[in-house]
């Protein structure tokens, strides 16, 4: 389940980062792979 905007806000207030990316499906897939190497606590991709 995707966190709510309020949960995102609490995470940012706690010092976590929120990264948004926009691009082609291939660009988003690449960003997902790259961010997957960072130890991110959550990665989610959504189609427009």
PDB file of N, CA and C in Angstrom:
ATOM      1  N   UNK A   1       0.833  -1.175   0.000  1.00  0.00           N
ATOM      2  CA  UNK A   1       0.000   0.000   0.000  1.00  0.00           C
ATOM      3  C   UNK A   1       0.883   1.247   0.000  1.00  0.00           C
ATOM      4  N   UNK A   2       0.524   2.234  -0.788  1.00  0.00           N
ATOM      5  CA  UNK A   2       1.272   3.480  -0.885  1.00  0.00           C
ATOM      6  C   UNK A   2       0.950   4.371   0.310  1.00  0.00           C
ATOM      7  N   UNK A   3       1.970   4.974   0.904  1.00  0.00           N
ATOM      8  CA  UNK A   3       1.722   5.878   2.037  1.00  0.00           C
ATOM      9  C   UNK A   3       0.864   7.069   1.629  1.00  0.00           C
ATOM     10  N   UNK A   4       0.139   7.600   2.594  1.00  0.00           N
ATOM     11  CA  UNK A   4      -0.699   8.773   2.352  1.00  0.00           C
ATOM     12  C   UNK A   4       0.178  10.025   2.310  1.00  0.00           C
ATOM     13  N   UNK A   5      -0.356  11.132   1.794  1.00  0.00           N
ATOM     14  CA  UNK A   5       0.412  12.380   1.826  1.00  0.00           C
ATOM     15  C   UNK A   5       0.828  12.770   3.251  1.00  0.00           C
ATOM     16  N   UNK A   6      -0.011  12.495   4.214  1.00  0.00           N
ATOM     17  CA  UNK A   6       0.327  12.807   5.605  1.00  0.00           C
ATOM     18  C   UNK A   6       1.517  11.975   6.082  1.00  0.00           C
ATOM     19  N   UNK A   7       1.566  10.715   5.677  1.00  0.00           N
ATOM     20  CA  UNK A   7       2.699   9.865   6.042  1.00  0.00           C
ATOM     21  C   UNK A   7       3.975  10.357   5.377  1.00  0.00           C
ATOM     22  N   UNK A   8       3.881  10.795   4.126  1.00  0.00           N
ATOM     23  CA  UNK A   8       5.039  11.368   3.441  1.00  0.00           C
ATOM     24  C   UNK A   8       5.518  12.610   4.198  1.00  0.00           C
ATOM     25  N   UNK A   9       4.589  13.443   4.617  1.00  0.00           N
ATOM     26  CA  UNK A   9       4.944  14.666   5.339  1.00  0.00           C
ATOM     27  C   UNK A   9       5.661  14.335   6.642  1.00  0.00           C
ATOM     28  N   UNK A  10       5.180  13.357   7.372  1.00  0.00           N
ATOM     29  CA  UNK A  10       5.832  12.957   8.623  1.00  0.00           C
ATOM     30  C   UNK A  10       7.239  12.422   8.365  1.00  0.00           C
ATOM     31  N   UNK A  11       7.407  11.660   7.295  1.00  0.00           N
ATOM     32  CA  UNK A  11       8.740  11.138   6.955  1.00  0.00           C
ATOM     33  C   UNK A  11       9.708  12.275   6.646  1.00  0.00           C
ATOM     34  N   UNK A  12       9.256  13.260   5.868  1.00  0.00           N
ATOM     35  CA  UNK A  12      10.119  14.400   5.528  1.00  0.00           C
ATOM     36  C   UNK A  12      10.461  15.189   6.792  1.00  0.00           C
ATOM     37  N   UNK A  13       9.489  15.388   7.661  1.00  0.00           N
ATOM     38  CA  UNK A  13       9.748  16.103   8.914  1.00  0.00           C
ATOM     39  C   UNK A  13      10.735  15.343   9.787  1.00  0.00           C
ATOM     40  N   UNK A  14      10.781  14.030   9.632  1.00  0.00           N
ATOM     41  CA  UNK A  14      11.707  13.199  10.407  1.00  0.00           C
ATOM     42  C   UNK A  14      13.094  13.141   9.768  1.00  0.00           C
ATOM     43  N   UNK A  15      13.283  13.879   8.665  1.00  0.00           N
ATOM     44  CA  UNK A  15      14.600  13.933   8.040  1.00  0.00           C
ATOM     45  C   UNK A  15      14.795  13.001   6.860  1.00  0.00           C
ATOM     46  N   UNK A  16      13.741  12.306   6.457  1.00  0.00           N
ATOM     47  CA  UNK A  16      13.833  11.436   5.286  1.00  0.00           C
ATOM     48  C   UNK A  16      13.627  12.265   4.025  1.00  0.00           C
ATOM     49  N   UNK A  17      14.009  11.707   2.889  1.00  0.00           N
ATOM     50  CA  UNK A  17      13.874  12.389   1.605  1.00  0.00           C
ATOM     51  C   UNK A  17      12.699  11.818   0.829  1.00  0.00           C
ATOM     52  N   UNK A  18      12.028  12.694   0.104  1.00  0.00           N
ATOM     53  CA  UNK A  18      10.969  12.294  -0.817  1.00  0.00           C
ATOM     54  C   UNK A  18      11.446  12.683  -2.207  1.00  0.00           C
ATOM     55  N   UNK A  19      11.604  11.702  -3.079  1.00  0.00           N
ATOM     56  CA  UNK A  19      12.100  11.949  -4.433  1.00  0.00           C
ATOM     57  C   UNK A  19      10.977  11.653  -5.415  1.00  0.00           C
ATOM     58  N   UNK A  20      10.694  12.618  -6.283  1.00  0.00           N
ATOM     59  CA  UNK A  20       9.698  12.439  -7.332  1.00  0.00           C
ATOM     60  C   UNK A  20      10.416  12.517  -8.663  1.00  0.00           C
ATOM     61  N   UNK A  21      10.022  11.669  -9.590  1.00  0.00           N
ATOM     62  CA  UNK A  21      10.633  11.676 -10.913  1.00  0.00           C
ATOM     63  C   UNK A  21       9.535  11.592 -11.956  1.00  0.00           C
ATOM     64  N   UNK A  22       9.793  12.222 -13.070  1.00  0.00           N
ATOM     65  CA  UNK A  22       8.821  12.187 -14.165  1.00  0.00           C
ATOM     66  C   UNK A  22       9.582  11.913 -15.459  1.00  0.00           C
ATOM     67  N   UNK A  23       9.042  11.060 -16.286  1.00  0.00           N
ATOM     68  CA  UNK A  23       9.698  10.767 -17.553  1.00  0.00           C
ATOM     69  C   UNK A  23       9.019   9.616 -18.252  1.00  0.00           C
ATOM     70  N   UNK A  24       9.697   9.112 -19.263  1.00  0.00           N
ATOM     71  CA  UNK A  24       9.180   7.970 -20.012  1.00  0.00           C
ATOM     72  C   UNK A  24       9.210   6.738 -19.100  1.00  0.00           C
ATOM     73  N   UNK A  25       8.468   5.712 -19.454  1.00  0.00           N
ATOM     74  CA  UNK A  25       8.526   4.483 -18.650  1.00  0.00           C
ATOM     75  C   UNK A  25       9.954   3.947 -18.517  1.00  0.00           C
ATOM     76  N   UNK A  26      10.747   4.082 -19.585  1.00  0.00           N
ATOM     77  CA  UNK A  26      12.132   3.603 -19.529  1.00  0.00           C
ATOM     78  C   UNK A  26      12.960   4.430 -18.553  1.00  0.00           C
ATOM     79  N   UNK A  27      12.754   5.753 -18.541  1.00  0.00           N
ATOM     80  CA  UNK A  27      13.486   6.622 -17.617  1.00  0.00           C
ATOM     81  C   UNK A  27      13.101   6.322 -16.163  1.00  0.00           C
ATOM     82  N   UNK A  28      11.822   6.089 -15.940  1.00  0.00           N
ATOM     83  CA  UNK A  28      11.362   5.789 -14.581  1.00  0.00           C
ATOM     84  C   UNK A  28      11.925   4.441 -14.130  1.00  0.00           C
ATOM     85  N   UNK A  29      11.955   3.470 -15.026  1.00  0.00           N
ATOM     86  CA  UNK A  29      12.528   2.163 -14.684  1.00  0.00           C
ATOM     87  C   UNK A  29      14.000   2.312 -14.326  1.00  0.00           C
ATOM     88  N   UNK A  30      14.726   3.134 -15.071  1.00  0.00           N
ATOM     89  CA  UNK A  30      16.143   3.364 -14.778  1.00  0.00           C
ATOM     90  C   UNK A  30      16.298   4.060 -13.426  1.00  0.00           C
ATOM     91  N   UNK A  31      15.493   5.068 -13.166  1.00  0.00           N
ATOM     92  CA  UNK A  31      15.552   5.769 -11.874  1.00  0.00           C
ATOM     93  C   UNK A  31      15.259   4.803 -10.732  1.00  0.00           C
ATOM     94  N   UNK A  32      14.311   3.908 -10.935  1.00  0.00           N
ATOM     95  CA  UNK A  32      13.948   2.920  -9.916  1.00  0.00           C
ATOM     96  C   UNK A  32      15.145   2.014  -9.613  1.00  0.00           C
ATOM     97  N   UNK A  33      15.846   1.585 -10.652  1.00  0.00           N
ATOM     98  CA  UNK A  33      17.032   0.733 -10.473  1.00  0.00           C
ATOM     99  C   UNK A  33      18.112   1.495  -9.708  1.00  0.00           C
ATOM    100  N   UNK A  34      18.378   2.732 -10.126  1.00  0.00           N
ATOM    101  CA  UNK A  34      19.418   3.529  -9.475  1.00  0.00           C
ATOM    102  C   UNK A  34      19.066   3.778  -8.011  1.00  0.00           C
ATOM    103  N   UNK A  35      17.835   4.192  -7.741  1.00  0.00           N
ATOM    104  CA  UNK A  35      17.431   4.462  -6.354  1.00  0.00           C
ATOM    105  C   UNK A  35      17.409   3.184  -5.523  1.00  0.00           C
ATOM    106  N   UNK A  36      17.207   2.057  -6.177  1.00  0.00           N
ATOM    107  CA  UNK A  36      17.218   0.777  -5.468  1.00  0.00           C
ATOM    108  C   UNK A  36      18.572   0.438  -4.872  1.00  0.00           C
ATOM    109  N   UNK A  37      19.624   1.090  -5.332  1.00  0.00           N
ATOM    110  CA  UNK A  37      20.966   0.838  -4.796  1.00  0.00           C
ATOM    111  C   UNK A  37      21.279   1.705  -3.587  1.00  0.00           C
ATOM    112  N   UNK A  38      20.346   2.552  -3.169  1.00  0.00           N
ATOM    113  CA  UNK A  38      20.617   3.523  -2.108  1.00  0.00           C
ATOM    114  C   UNK A  38      20.162   3.080  -0.724  1.00  0.00           C
ATOM    115  N   UNK A  39      19.510   1.936  -0.640  1.00  0.00           N
ATOM    116  CA  UNK A  39      18.979   1.513   0.655  1.00  0.00           C
ATOM    117  C   UNK A  39      17.684   2.228   1.024  1.00  0.00           C
ATOM    118  N   UNK A  40      16.959   2.693   0.008  1.00  0.00           N
ATOM    119  CA  UNK A  40      15.702   3.400   0.241  1.00  0.00           C
ATOM    120  C   UNK A  40      14.736   2.526   1.038  1.00  0.00           C
ATOM    121  N   UNK A  41      13.978   3.178   1.927  1.00  0.00           N
ATOM    122  CA  UNK A  41      13.022   2.426   2.738  1.00  0.00           C
ATOM    123  C   UNK A  41      11.764   2.076   1.945  1.00  0.00           C
ATOM    124  N   UNK A  42      11.486   2.827   0.865  1.00  0.00           N
ATOM    125  CA  UNK A  42      10.312   2.564   0.040  1.00  0.00           C
ATOM    126  C   UNK A  42      10.586   3.080  -1.363  1.00  0.00           C
ATOM    127  N   UNK A  43      10.274   2.273  -2.350  1.00  0.00           N
ATOM    128  CA  UNK A  43      10.324   2.691  -3.753  1.00  0.00           C
ATOM    129  C   UNK A  43       8.983   2.343  -4.382  1.00  0.00           C
ATOM    130  N   UNK A  44       8.379   3.313  -5.035  1.00  0.00           N
ATOM    131  CA  UNK A  44       7.096   3.066  -5.695  1.00  0.00           C
ATOM    132  C   UNK A  44       7.079   3.810  -7.017  1.00  0.00           C
ATOM    133  N   UNK A  45       6.552   3.184  -8.050  1.00  0.00           N
ATOM    134  CA  UNK A  45       6.412   3.819  -9.352  1.00  0.00           C
ATOM    135  C   UNK A  45       4.938   3.779  -9.730  1.00  0.00           C
ATOM    136  N   UNK A  46       4.461   4.891 -10.281  1.00  0.00           N
ATOM    137  CA  UNK A  46       3.056   5.000 -10.664  1.00  0.00           C
ATOM    138  C   UNK A  46       2.968   5.537 -12.075  1.00  0.00           C
ATOM    139  N   UNK A  47       2.130   4.950 -12.882  1.00  0.00           N
ATOM    140  CA  UNK A  47       1.912   5.437 -14.253  1.00  0.00           C
ATOM    141  C   UNK A  47       0.915   6.588 -14.225  1.00  0.00           C
ATOM    142  N   UNK A  48       1.160   7.535 -15.096  1.00  0.00           N
ATOM    143  CA  UNK A  48       0.249   8.700 -15.190  1.00  0.00           C
ATOM    144  C   UNK A  48      -0.975   8.347 -15.984  1.00  0.00           C
TER     145      UNK A  48
END
